[in-house]
């Protein structure tokens, strides 16, 4: 999933799009949360 995310975002960039990233808070639980977007960034 890490590599898939990387490849997908690189493809977005190469196509001239602006990736807008956020934590998926709707499905995130404590065990899989970053806690804040500073760490995510």
ModelCIF file with pLDDT and N, C-alpha, C, O atoms, coordinates in Angstrom:
data_MODEL
#
_entry.id   MODEL 
#
_entity.id                         1 
_entity.type                       polymer 
_entity.pdbx_number_of_molecules   1 
#
_entity_poly.entity_id                      1 
_entity_poly.type                           'polypeptide(L)' 
_entity_poly.nstd_linkage                   no 
_entity_poly.nstd_monomer                   no 
_entity_poly.pdbx_seq_one_letter_code       
;(UNK)(UNK)(UNK)(UNK)(UNK)(UNK)(UNK)(UNK)(UNK)(UNK)(UNK)(UNK)(UNK)(UNK)(UNK)(UNK)
(UNK)(UNK)(UNK)(UNK)(UNK)(UNK)(UNK)(UNK)(UNK)(UNK)(UNK)(UNK)(UNK)(UNK)(UNK)(UNK)
(UNK)(UNK)(UNK)(UNK)(UNK)(UNK)(UNK)(UNK)(UNK)
;
_entity_poly.pdbx_seq_one_letter_code_can   XXXXXXXXXXXXXXXXXXXXXXXXXXXXXXXXXXXXXXXXX 
_entity_poly.pdbx_strand_id                 A 
#
loop_
_entity_poly_seq.entity_id 
_entity_poly_seq.num 
_entity_poly_seq.mon_id 
_entity_poly_seq.hetero 
1 1  UNK n 
1 2  UNK n 
1 3  UNK n 
1 4  UNK n 
1 5  UNK n 
1 6  UNK n 
1 7  UNK n 
1 8  UNK n 
1 9  UNK n 
1 10 UNK n 
1 11 UNK n 
1 12 UNK n 
1 13 UNK n 
1 14 UNK n 
1 15 UNK n 
1 16 UNK n 
1 17 UNK n 
1 18 UNK n 
1 19 UNK n 
1 20 UNK n 
1 21 UNK n 
1 22 UNK n 
1 23 UNK n 
1 24 UNK n 
1 25 UNK n 
1 26 UNK n 
1 27 UNK n 
1 28 UNK n 
1 29 UNK n 
1 30 UNK n 
1 31 UNK n 
1 32 UNK n 
1 33 UNK n 
1 34 UNK n 
1 35 UNK n 
1 36 UNK n 
1 37 UNK n 
1 38 UNK n 
1 39 UNK n 
1 40 UNK n 
1 41 UNK n 
#
_struct_asym.id          A 
_struct_asym.entity_id   1 
#
loop_
_ma_qa_metric.id 
_ma_qa_metric.mode 
_ma_qa_metric.name 
_ma_qa_metric.software_group_id 
_ma_qa_metric.type 
1 global pLDDT . pLDDT 
2 local  pLDDT . pLDDT 
#
_ma_qa_metric_global.metric_id      1 
_ma_qa_metric_global.metric_value   81.29 
_ma_qa_metric_global.model_id       1 
_ma_qa_metric_global.ordinal_id     1 
#
loop_
_ma_qa_metric_local.label_asym_id 
_ma_qa_metric_local.label_comp_id 
_ma_qa_metric_local.label_seq_id 
_ma_qa_metric_local.metric_id 
_ma_qa_metric_local.metric_value 
_ma_qa_metric_local.model_id 
_ma_qa_metric_local.ordinal_id 
A UNK 1  2 83.00 1 1  
A UNK 2  2 82.00 1 2  
A UNK 3  2 81.00 1 3  
A UNK 4  2 85.00 1 4  
A UNK 5  2 90.00 1 5  
A UNK 6  2 89.00 1 6  
A UNK 7  2 88.00 1 7  
A UNK 8  2 92.00 1 8  
A UNK 9  2 94.00 1 9  
A UNK 10 2 91.00 1 10 
A UNK 11 2 92.00 1 11 
A UNK 12 2 95.00 1 12 
A UNK 13 2 95.00 1 13 
A UNK 14 2 92.00 1 14 
A UNK 15 2 93.00 1 15 
A UNK 16 2 94.00 1 16 
A UNK 17 2 96.00 1 17 
A UNK 18 2 97.00 1 18 
A UNK 19 2 98.00 1 19 
A UNK 20 2 97.00 1 20 
A UNK 21 2 96.00 1 21 
A UNK 22 2 93.00 1 22 
A UNK 23 2 88.00 1 23 
A UNK 24 2 85.00 1 24 
A UNK 25 2 70.00 1 25 
A UNK 26 2 68.00 1 26 
A UNK 27 2 68.00 1 27 
A UNK 28 2 59.00 1 28 
A UNK 29 2 55.00 1 29 
A UNK 30 2 53.00 1 30 
A UNK 31 2 40.00 1 31 
A UNK 32 2 36.00 1 32 
A UNK 33 2 50.00 1 33 
A UNK 34 2 56.00 1 34 
A UNK 35 2 58.00 1 35 
A UNK 36 2 77.00 1 36 
A UNK 37 2 88.00 1 37 
A UNK 38 2 91.00 1 38 
A UNK 39 2 90.00 1 39 
A UNK 40 2 93.00 1 40 
A UNK 41 2 95.00 1 41 
#
loop_
_atom_site.group_PDB 
_atom_site.id 
_atom_site.type_symbol 
_atom_site.label_atom_id 
_atom_site.label_alt_id 
_atom_site.label_comp_id 
_atom_site.label_asym_id 
_atom_site.label_entity_id 
_atom_site.label_seq_id 
_atom_site.pdbx_PDB_ins_code 
_atom_site.Cartn_x 
_atom_site.Cartn_y 
_atom_site.Cartn_z 
_atom_site.occupancy 
_atom_site.B_iso_or_equiv 
_atom_site.pdbx_formal_charge 
_atom_site.auth_seq_id 
_atom_site.auth_comp_id 
_atom_site.auth_asym_id 
_atom_site.auth_atom_id 
_atom_site.pdbx_PDB_model_num 
ATOM 1   N N  . UNK A 1 1  ? 0.827   -1.205 0.000   1.00 83.00 ? 1  UNK A N  1 
ATOM 2   C CA . UNK A 1 1  ? 0.000   0.000  0.000   1.00 83.00 ? 1  UNK A CA 1 
ATOM 3   C C  . UNK A 1 1  ? 0.860   1.253  0.000   1.00 83.00 ? 1  UNK A C  1 
ATOM 4   O O  . UNK A 1 1  ? 0.500   2.255  -0.617  1.00 83.00 ? 1  UNK A O  1 
ATOM 5   N N  . UNK A 1 2  ? 1.994   1.203  0.689   1.00 82.00 ? 2  UNK A N  1 
ATOM 6   C CA . UNK A 1 2  ? 2.940   2.319  0.694   1.00 82.00 ? 2  UNK A CA 1 
ATOM 7   C C  . UNK A 1 2  ? 3.411   2.620  -0.723  1.00 82.00 ? 2  UNK A C  1 
ATOM 8   O O  . UNK A 1 2  ? 3.393   3.769  -1.166  1.00 82.00 ? 2  UNK A O  1 
ATOM 9   N N  . UNK A 1 3  ? 3.833   1.569  -1.429  1.00 81.00 ? 3  UNK A N  1 
ATOM 10  C CA . UNK A 1 3  ? 4.322   1.752  -2.791  1.00 81.00 ? 3  UNK A CA 1 
ATOM 11  C C  . UNK A 1 3  ? 3.201   2.175  -3.729  1.00 81.00 ? 3  UNK A C  1 
ATOM 12  O O  . UNK A 1 3  ? 3.415   3.002  -4.616  1.00 81.00 ? 3  UNK A O  1 
ATOM 13  N N  . UNK A 1 4  ? 2.008   1.617  -3.542  1.00 85.00 ? 4  UNK A N  1 
ATOM 14  C CA . UNK A 1 4  ? 0.881   2.010  -4.378  1.00 85.00 ? 4  UNK A CA 1 
ATOM 15  C C  . UNK A 1 4  ? 0.549   3.486  -4.184  1.00 85.00 ? 4  UNK A C  1 
ATOM 16  O O  . UNK A 1 4  ? 0.257   4.196  -5.147  1.00 85.00 ? 4  UNK A O  1 
ATOM 17  N N  . UNK A 1 5  ? 0.596   3.946  -2.921  1.00 90.00 ? 5  UNK A N  1 
ATOM 18  C CA . UNK A 1 5  ? 0.338   5.358  -2.642  1.00 90.00 ? 5  UNK A CA 1 
ATOM 19  C C  . UNK A 1 5  ? 1.395   6.234  -3.309  1.00 90.00 ? 5  UNK A C  1 
ATOM 20  O O  . UNK A 1 5  ? 1.086   7.277  -3.886  1.00 90.00 ? 5  UNK A O  1 
ATOM 21  N N  . UNK A 1 6  ? 2.626   5.798  -3.221  1.00 89.00 ? 6  UNK A N  1 
ATOM 22  C CA . UNK A 1 6  ? 3.712   6.562  -3.832  1.00 89.00 ? 6  UNK A CA 1 
ATOM 23  C C  . UNK A 1 6  ? 3.555   6.643  -5.344  1.00 89.00 ? 6  UNK A C  1 
ATOM 24  O O  . UNK A 1 6  ? 3.668   7.720  -5.929  1.00 89.00 ? 6  UNK A O  1 
ATOM 25  N N  . UNK A 1 7  ? 3.295   5.504  -5.972  1.00 88.00 ? 7  UNK A N  1 
ATOM 26  C CA . UNK A 1 7  ? 3.153   5.487  -7.431  1.00 88.00 ? 7  UNK A CA 1 
ATOM 27  C C  . UNK A 1 7  ? 1.963   6.315  -7.878  1.00 88.00 ? 7  UNK A C  1 
ATOM 28  O O  . UNK A 1 7  ? 2.038   7.038  -8.872  1.00 88.00 ? 7  UNK A O  1 
ATOM 29  N N  . UNK A 1 8  ? 0.852   6.209  -7.135  1.00 92.00 ? 8  UNK A N  1 
ATOM 30  C CA . UNK A 1 8  ? -0.340  6.958  -7.509  1.00 92.00 ? 8  UNK A CA 1 
ATOM 31  C C  . UNK A 1 8  ? -0.099  8.461  -7.416  1.00 92.00 ? 8  UNK A C  1 
ATOM 32  O O  . UNK A 1 8  ? -0.502  9.215  -8.301  1.00 92.00 ? 8  UNK A O  1 
ATOM 33  N N  . UNK A 1 9  ? 0.561   8.894  -6.341  1.00 94.00 ? 9  UNK A N  1 
ATOM 34  C CA . UNK A 1 9  ? 0.803   10.328 -6.177  1.00 94.00 ? 9  UNK A CA 1 
ATOM 35  C C  . UNK A 1 9  ? 1.813   10.840 -7.178  1.00 94.00 ? 9  UNK A C  1 
ATOM 36  O O  . UNK A 1 9  ? 1.696   11.971 -7.651  1.00 94.00 ? 9  UNK A O  1 
ATOM 37  N N  . UNK A 1 10 ? 2.810   10.025 -7.511  1.00 91.00 ? 10 UNK A N  1 
ATOM 38  C CA . UNK A 1 10 ? 3.759   10.427 -8.550  1.00 91.00 ? 10 UNK A CA 1 
ATOM 39  C C  . UNK A 1 10 ? 3.057   10.562 -9.891  1.00 91.00 ? 10 UNK A C  1 
ATOM 40  O O  . UNK A 1 10 ? 3.385   11.446 -10.683 1.00 91.00 ? 10 UNK A O  1 
ATOM 41  N N  . UNK A 1 11 ? 2.083   9.680  -10.150 1.00 92.00 ? 11 UNK A N  1 
ATOM 42  C CA . UNK A 1 11 ? 1.316   9.772  -11.392 1.00 92.00 ? 11 UNK A CA 1 
ATOM 43  C C  . UNK A 1 11 ? 0.478   11.045 -11.404 1.00 92.00 ? 11 UNK A C  1 
ATOM 44  O O  . UNK A 1 11 ? 0.395   11.718 -12.432 1.00 92.00 ? 11 UNK A O  1 
ATOM 45  N N  . UNK A 1 12 ? -0.143  11.385 -10.278 1.00 95.00 ? 12 UNK A N  1 
ATOM 46  C CA . UNK A 1 12 ? -0.917  12.624 -10.191 1.00 95.00 ? 12 UNK A CA 1 
ATOM 47  C C  . UNK A 1 12 ? -0.037  13.830 -10.523 1.00 95.00 ? 12 UNK A C  1 
ATOM 48  O O  . UNK A 1 12 ? -0.426  14.715 -11.284 1.00 95.00 ? 12 UNK A O  1 
ATOM 49  N N  . UNK A 1 13 ? 1.152   13.840 -9.934  1.00 95.00 ? 13 UNK A N  1 
ATOM 50  C CA . UNK A 1 13 ? 2.078   14.953 -10.161 1.00 95.00 ? 13 UNK A CA 1 
ATOM 51  C C  . UNK A 1 13 ? 2.483   15.025 -11.627 1.00 95.00 ? 13 UNK A C  1 
ATOM 52  O O  . UNK A 1 13 ? 2.503   16.106 -12.215 1.00 95.00 ? 13 UNK A O  1 
ATOM 53  N N  . UNK A 1 14 ? 2.806   13.874 -12.219 1.00 92.00 ? 14 UNK A N  1 
ATOM 54  C CA . UNK A 1 14 ? 3.241   13.857 -13.617 1.00 92.00 ? 14 UNK A CA 1 
ATOM 55  C C  . UNK A 1 14 ? 2.126   14.299 -14.558 1.00 92.00 ? 14 UNK A C  1 
ATOM 56  O O  . UNK A 1 14 ? 2.398   14.801 -15.649 1.00 92.00 ? 14 UNK A O  1 
ATOM 57  N N  . UNK A 1 15 ? 0.871   14.115 -14.143 1.00 93.00 ? 15 UNK A N  1 
ATOM 58  C CA . UNK A 1 15 ? -0.273  14.530 -14.963 1.00 93.00 ? 15 UNK A CA 1 
ATOM 59  C C  . UNK A 1 15 ? -0.638  15.997 -14.745 1.00 93.00 ? 15 UNK A C  1 
ATOM 60  O O  . UNK A 1 15 ? -1.575  16.505 -15.361 1.00 93.00 ? 15 UNK A O  1 
ATOM 61  N N  . UNK A 1 16 ? 0.096   16.669 -13.878 1.00 94.00 ? 16 UNK A N  1 
ATOM 62  C CA . UNK A 1 16 ? -0.137  18.089 -13.653 1.00 94.00 ? 16 UNK A CA 1 
ATOM 63  C C  . UNK A 1 16 ? -1.194  18.398 -12.613 1.00 94.00 ? 16 UNK A C  1 
ATOM 64  O O  . UNK A 1 16 ? -1.598  19.553 -12.474 1.00 94.00 ? 16 UNK A O  1 
ATOM 65  N N  . UNK A 1 17 ? -1.654  17.391 -11.875 1.00 96.00 ? 17 UNK A N  1 
ATOM 66  C CA . UNK A 1 17 ? -2.647  17.617 -10.830 1.00 96.00 ? 17 UNK A CA 1 
ATOM 67  C C  . UNK A 1 17 ? -1.965  18.014 -9.520  1.00 96.00 ? 17 UNK A C  1 
ATOM 68  O O  . UNK A 1 17 ? -0.767  17.799 -9.338  1.00 96.00 ? 17 UNK A O  1 
ATOM 69  N N  . UNK A 1 18 ? -2.740  18.588 -8.629  1.00 97.00 ? 18 UNK A N  1 
ATOM 70  C CA . UNK A 1 18 ? -2.240  18.960 -7.301  1.00 97.00 ? 18 UNK A CA 1 
ATOM 71  C C  . UNK A 1 18 ? -2.810  17.977 -6.287  1.00 97.00 ? 18 UNK A C  1 
ATOM 72  O O  . UNK A 1 18 ? -3.995  18.066 -5.966  1.00 97.00 ? 18 UNK A O  1 
ATOM 73  N N  . UNK A 1 19 ? -2.010  17.036 -5.766  1.00 98.00 ? 19 UNK A N  1 
ATOM 74  C CA . UNK A 1 19 ? -2.519  16.142 -4.725  1.00 98.00 ? 19 UNK A CA 1 
ATOM 75  C C  . UNK A 1 19 ? -2.844  16.933 -3.455  1.00 98.00 ? 19 UNK A C  1 
ATOM 76  O O  . UNK A 1 19 ? -2.016  17.699 -2.963  1.00 98.00 ? 19 UNK A O  1 
ATOM 77  N N  . UNK A 1 20 ? -4.038  16.740 -2.939  1.00 97.00 ? 20 UNK A N  1 
ATOM 78  C CA . UNK A 1 20 ? -4.430  17.353 -1.663  1.00 97.00 ? 20 UNK A CA 1 
ATOM 79  C C  . UNK A 1 20 ? -4.661  16.198 -0.689  1.00 97.00 ? 20 UNK A C  1 
ATOM 80  O O  . UNK A 1 20 ? -5.613  15.431 -0.833  1.00 97.00 ? 20 UNK A O  1 
ATOM 81  N N  . UNK A 1 21 ? -3.781  16.086 0.297   1.00 96.00 ? 21 UNK A N  1 
ATOM 82  C CA . UNK A 1 21 ? -3.742  14.937 1.199   1.00 96.00 ? 21 UNK A CA 1 
ATOM 83  C C  . UNK A 1 21 ? -4.362  15.295 2.537   1.00 96.00 ? 21 UNK A C  1 
ATOM 84  O O  . UNK A 1 21 ? -4.199  16.409 3.034   1.00 96.00 ? 21 UNK A O  1 
ATOM 85  N N  . UNK A 1 22 ? -5.072  14.342 3.109   1.00 93.00 ? 22 UNK A N  1 
ATOM 86  C CA . UNK A 1 22 ? -5.579  14.491 4.466   1.00 93.00 ? 22 UNK A CA 1 
ATOM 87  C C  . UNK A 1 22 ? -5.618  13.113 5.097   1.00 93.00 ? 22 UNK A C  1 
ATOM 88  O O  . UNK A 1 22 ? -5.632  12.100 4.397   1.00 93.00 ? 22 UNK A O  1 
ATOM 89  N N  . UNK A 1 23 ? -5.637  13.078 6.410   1.00 88.00 ? 23 UNK A N  1 
ATOM 90  C CA . UNK A 1 23 ? -5.812  11.779 7.061   1.00 88.00 ? 23 UNK A CA 1 
ATOM 91  C C  . UNK A 1 23 ? -7.238  11.302 6.834   1.00 88.00 ? 23 UNK A C  1 
ATOM 92  O O  . UNK A 1 23 ? -8.176  12.099 6.855   1.00 88.00 ? 23 UNK A O  1 
ATOM 93  N N  . UNK A 1 24 ? -7.400  10.012 6.619   1.00 85.00 ? 24 UNK A N  1 
ATOM 94  C CA . UNK A 1 24 ? -8.725  9.447  6.393   1.00 85.00 ? 24 UNK A CA 1 
ATOM 95  C C  . UNK A 1 24 ? -9.419  9.251  7.735   1.00 85.00 ? 24 UNK A C  1 
ATOM 96  O O  . UNK A 1 24 ? -9.595  8.129  8.212   1.00 85.00 ? 24 UNK A O  1 
ATOM 97  N N  . UNK A 1 25 ? -9.806  10.373 8.328   1.00 70.00 ? 25 UNK A N  1 
ATOM 98  C CA . UNK A 1 25 ? -10.380 10.347 9.679   1.00 70.00 ? 25 UNK A CA 1 
ATOM 99  C C  . UNK A 1 25 ? -11.679 9.554  9.756   1.00 70.00 ? 25 UNK A C  1 
ATOM 100 O O  . UNK A 1 25 ? -12.031 9.051  10.823  1.00 70.00 ? 25 UNK A O  1 
ATOM 101 N N  . UNK A 1 26 ? -12.393 9.436  8.649   1.00 68.00 ? 26 UNK A N  1 
ATOM 102 C CA . UNK A 1 26 ? -13.687 8.749  8.682   1.00 68.00 ? 26 UNK A CA 1 
ATOM 103 C C  . UNK A 1 26 ? -13.539 7.268  9.025   1.00 68.00 ? 26 UNK A C  1 
ATOM 104 O O  . UNK A 1 26 ? -14.422 6.687  9.657   1.00 68.00 ? 26 UNK A O  1 
ATOM 105 N N  . UNK A 1 27 ? -12.430 6.654  8.613   1.00 68.00 ? 27 UNK A N  1 
ATOM 106 C CA . UNK A 1 27 ? -12.233 5.231  8.889   1.00 68.00 ? 27 UNK A CA 1 
ATOM 107 C C  . UNK A 1 27 ? -11.117 4.970  9.890   1.00 68.00 ? 27 UNK A C  1 
ATOM 108 O O  . UNK A 1 27 ? -10.959 3.843  10.358  1.00 68.00 ? 27 UNK A O  1 
ATOM 109 N N  . UNK A 1 28 ? -10.337 6.003  10.225  1.00 59.00 ? 28 UNK A N  1 
ATOM 110 C CA . UNK A 1 28 ? -9.189  5.812  11.111  1.00 59.00 ? 28 UNK A CA 1 
ATOM 111 C C  . UNK A 1 28 ? -9.636  5.516  12.533  1.00 59.00 ? 28 UNK A C  1 
ATOM 112 O O  . UNK A 1 28 ? -10.586 6.108  13.044  1.00 59.00 ? 28 UNK A O  1 
ATOM 113 N N  . UNK A 1 29 ? -8.931  4.588  13.153  1.00 55.00 ? 29 UNK A N  1 
ATOM 114 C CA . UNK A 1 29 ? -9.106  4.299  14.573  1.00 55.00 ? 29 UNK A CA 1 
ATOM 115 C C  . UNK A 1 29 ? -7.770  4.569  15.257  1.00 55.00 ? 29 UNK A C  1 
ATOM 116 O O  . UNK A 1 29 ? -6.773  4.832  14.585  1.00 55.00 ? 29 UNK A O  1 
ATOM 117 N N  . UNK A 1 30 ? -7.743  4.507  16.574  1.00 53.00 ? 30 UNK A N  1 
ATOM 118 C CA . UNK A 1 30 ? -6.531  4.876  17.307  1.00 53.00 ? 30 UNK A CA 1 
ATOM 119 C C  . UNK A 1 30 ? -5.300  4.124  16.831  1.00 53.00 ? 30 UNK A C  1 
ATOM 120 O O  . UNK A 1 30 ? -4.204  4.683  16.788  1.00 53.00 ? 30 UNK A O  1 
ATOM 121 N N  . UNK A 1 31 ? -5.480  2.852  16.471  1.00 40.00 ? 31 UNK A N  1 
ATOM 122 C CA . UNK A 1 31 ? -4.330  2.023  16.107  1.00 40.00 ? 31 UNK A CA 1 
ATOM 123 C C  . UNK A 1 31 ? -3.710  2.411  14.772  1.00 40.00 ? 31 UNK A C  1 
ATOM 124 O O  . UNK A 1 31 ? -2.551  2.092  14.510  1.00 40.00 ? 31 UNK A O  1 
ATOM 125 N N  . UNK A 1 32 ? -4.480  3.103  13.921  1.00 36.00 ? 32 UNK A N  1 
ATOM 126 C CA . UNK A 1 32 ? -3.952  3.435  12.589  1.00 36.00 ? 32 UNK A CA 1 
ATOM 127 C C  . UNK A 1 32 ? -3.985  4.936  12.322  1.00 36.00 ? 32 UNK A C  1 
ATOM 128 O O  . UNK A 1 32 ? -3.989  5.365  11.168  1.00 36.00 ? 32 UNK A O  1 
ATOM 129 N N  . UNK A 1 33 ? -4.009  5.733  13.392  1.00 50.00 ? 33 UNK A N  1 
ATOM 130 C CA . UNK A 1 33 ? -4.060  7.174  13.233  1.00 50.00 ? 33 UNK A CA 1 
ATOM 131 C C  . UNK A 1 33 ? -2.676  7.802  13.331  1.00 50.00 ? 33 UNK A C  1 
ATOM 132 O O  . UNK A 1 33 ? -1.822  7.345  14.091  1.00 50.00 ? 33 UNK A O  1 
ATOM 133 N N  . UNK A 1 34 ? -2.471  8.867  12.541  1.00 56.00 ? 34 UNK A N  1 
ATOM 134 C CA . UNK A 1 34 ? -1.254  9.651  12.675  1.00 56.00 ? 34 UNK A CA 1 
ATOM 135 C C  . UNK A 1 34 ? -1.348  10.532 13.921  1.00 56.00 ? 34 UNK A C  1 
ATOM 136 O O  . UNK A 1 34 ? -0.340  10.793 14.578  1.00 56.00 ? 34 UNK A O  1 
ATOM 137 N N  . UNK A 1 35 ? -2.549  10.986 14.240  1.00 58.00 ? 35 UNK A N  1 
ATOM 138 C CA . UNK A 1 35 ? -2.734  11.861 15.385  1.00 58.00 ? 35 UNK A CA 1 
ATOM 139 C C  . UNK A 1 35 ? -2.853  13.309 14.986  1.00 58.00 ? 35 UNK A C  1 
ATOM 140 O O  . UNK A 1 35 ? -3.643  14.045 15.576  1.00 58.00 ? 35 UNK A O  1 
ATOM 141 N N  . UNK A 1 36 ? -2.097  13.737 14.005  1.00 77.00 ? 36 UNK A N  1 
ATOM 142 C CA . UNK A 1 36 ? -2.196  15.094 13.491  1.00 77.00 ? 36 UNK A CA 1 
ATOM 143 C C  . UNK A 1 36 ? -1.573  15.130 12.099  1.00 77.00 ? 36 UNK A C  1 
ATOM 144 O O  . UNK A 1 36 ? -0.808  14.240 11.726  1.00 77.00 ? 36 UNK A O  1 
ATOM 145 N N  . UNK A 1 37 ? -1.909  16.167 11.340  1.00 88.00 ? 37 UNK A N  1 
ATOM 146 C CA . UNK A 1 37 ? -1.429  16.256 9.965   1.00 88.00 ? 37 UNK A CA 1 
ATOM 147 C C  . UNK A 1 37 ? 0.011   16.730 9.859   1.00 88.00 ? 37 UNK A C  1 
ATOM 148 O O  . UNK A 1 37 ? 0.604   16.649 8.783   1.00 88.00 ? 37 UNK A O  1 
ATOM 149 N N  . UNK A 1 38 ? 0.590   17.226 10.954  1.00 91.00 ? 38 UNK A N  1 
ATOM 150 C CA . UNK A 1 38 ? 2.019   17.544 10.921  1.00 91.00 ? 38 UNK A CA 1 
ATOM 151 C C  . UNK A 1 38 ? 2.813   16.261 10.673  1.00 91.00 ? 38 UNK A C  1 
ATOM 152 O O  . UNK A 1 38 ? 3.677   16.208 9.798   1.00 91.00 ? 38 UNK A O  1 
ATOM 153 N N  . UNK A 1 39 ? 2.507   15.246 11.446  1.00 90.00 ? 39 UNK A N  1 
ATOM 154 C CA . UNK A 1 39 ? 3.201   13.969 11.286  1.00 90.00 ? 39 UNK A CA 1 
ATOM 155 C C  . UNK A 1 39 ? 2.897   13.344 9.925   1.00 90.00 ? 39 UNK A C  1 
ATOM 156 O O  . UNK A 1 39 ? 3.784   12.775 9.289   1.00 90.00 ? 39 UNK A O  1 
ATOM 157 N N  . UNK A 1 40 ? 1.660   13.449 9.486   1.00 93.00 ? 40 UNK A N  1 
ATOM 158 C CA . UNK A 1 40 ? 1.304   12.941 8.162   1.00 93.00 ? 40 UNK A CA 1 
ATOM 159 C C  . UNK A 1 40 ? 2.123   13.639 7.088   1.00 93.00 ? 40 UNK A C  1 
ATOM 160 O O  . UNK A 1 40 ? 2.616   12.989 6.167   1.00 93.00 ? 40 UNK A O  1 
ATOM 161 N N  . UNK A 1 41 ? 2.273   14.952 7.194   1.00 95.00 ? 41 UNK A N  1 
ATOM 162 C CA . UNK A 1 41 ? 3.025   15.691 6.174   1.00 95.00 ? 41 UNK A CA 1 
ATOM 163 C C  . UNK A 1 41 ? 4.482   15.258 6.132   1.00 95.00 ? 41 UNK A C  1 
ATOM 164 O O  . UNK A 1 41 ? 5.258   15.778 5.331   1.00 95.00 ? 41 UNK A O  1 
#
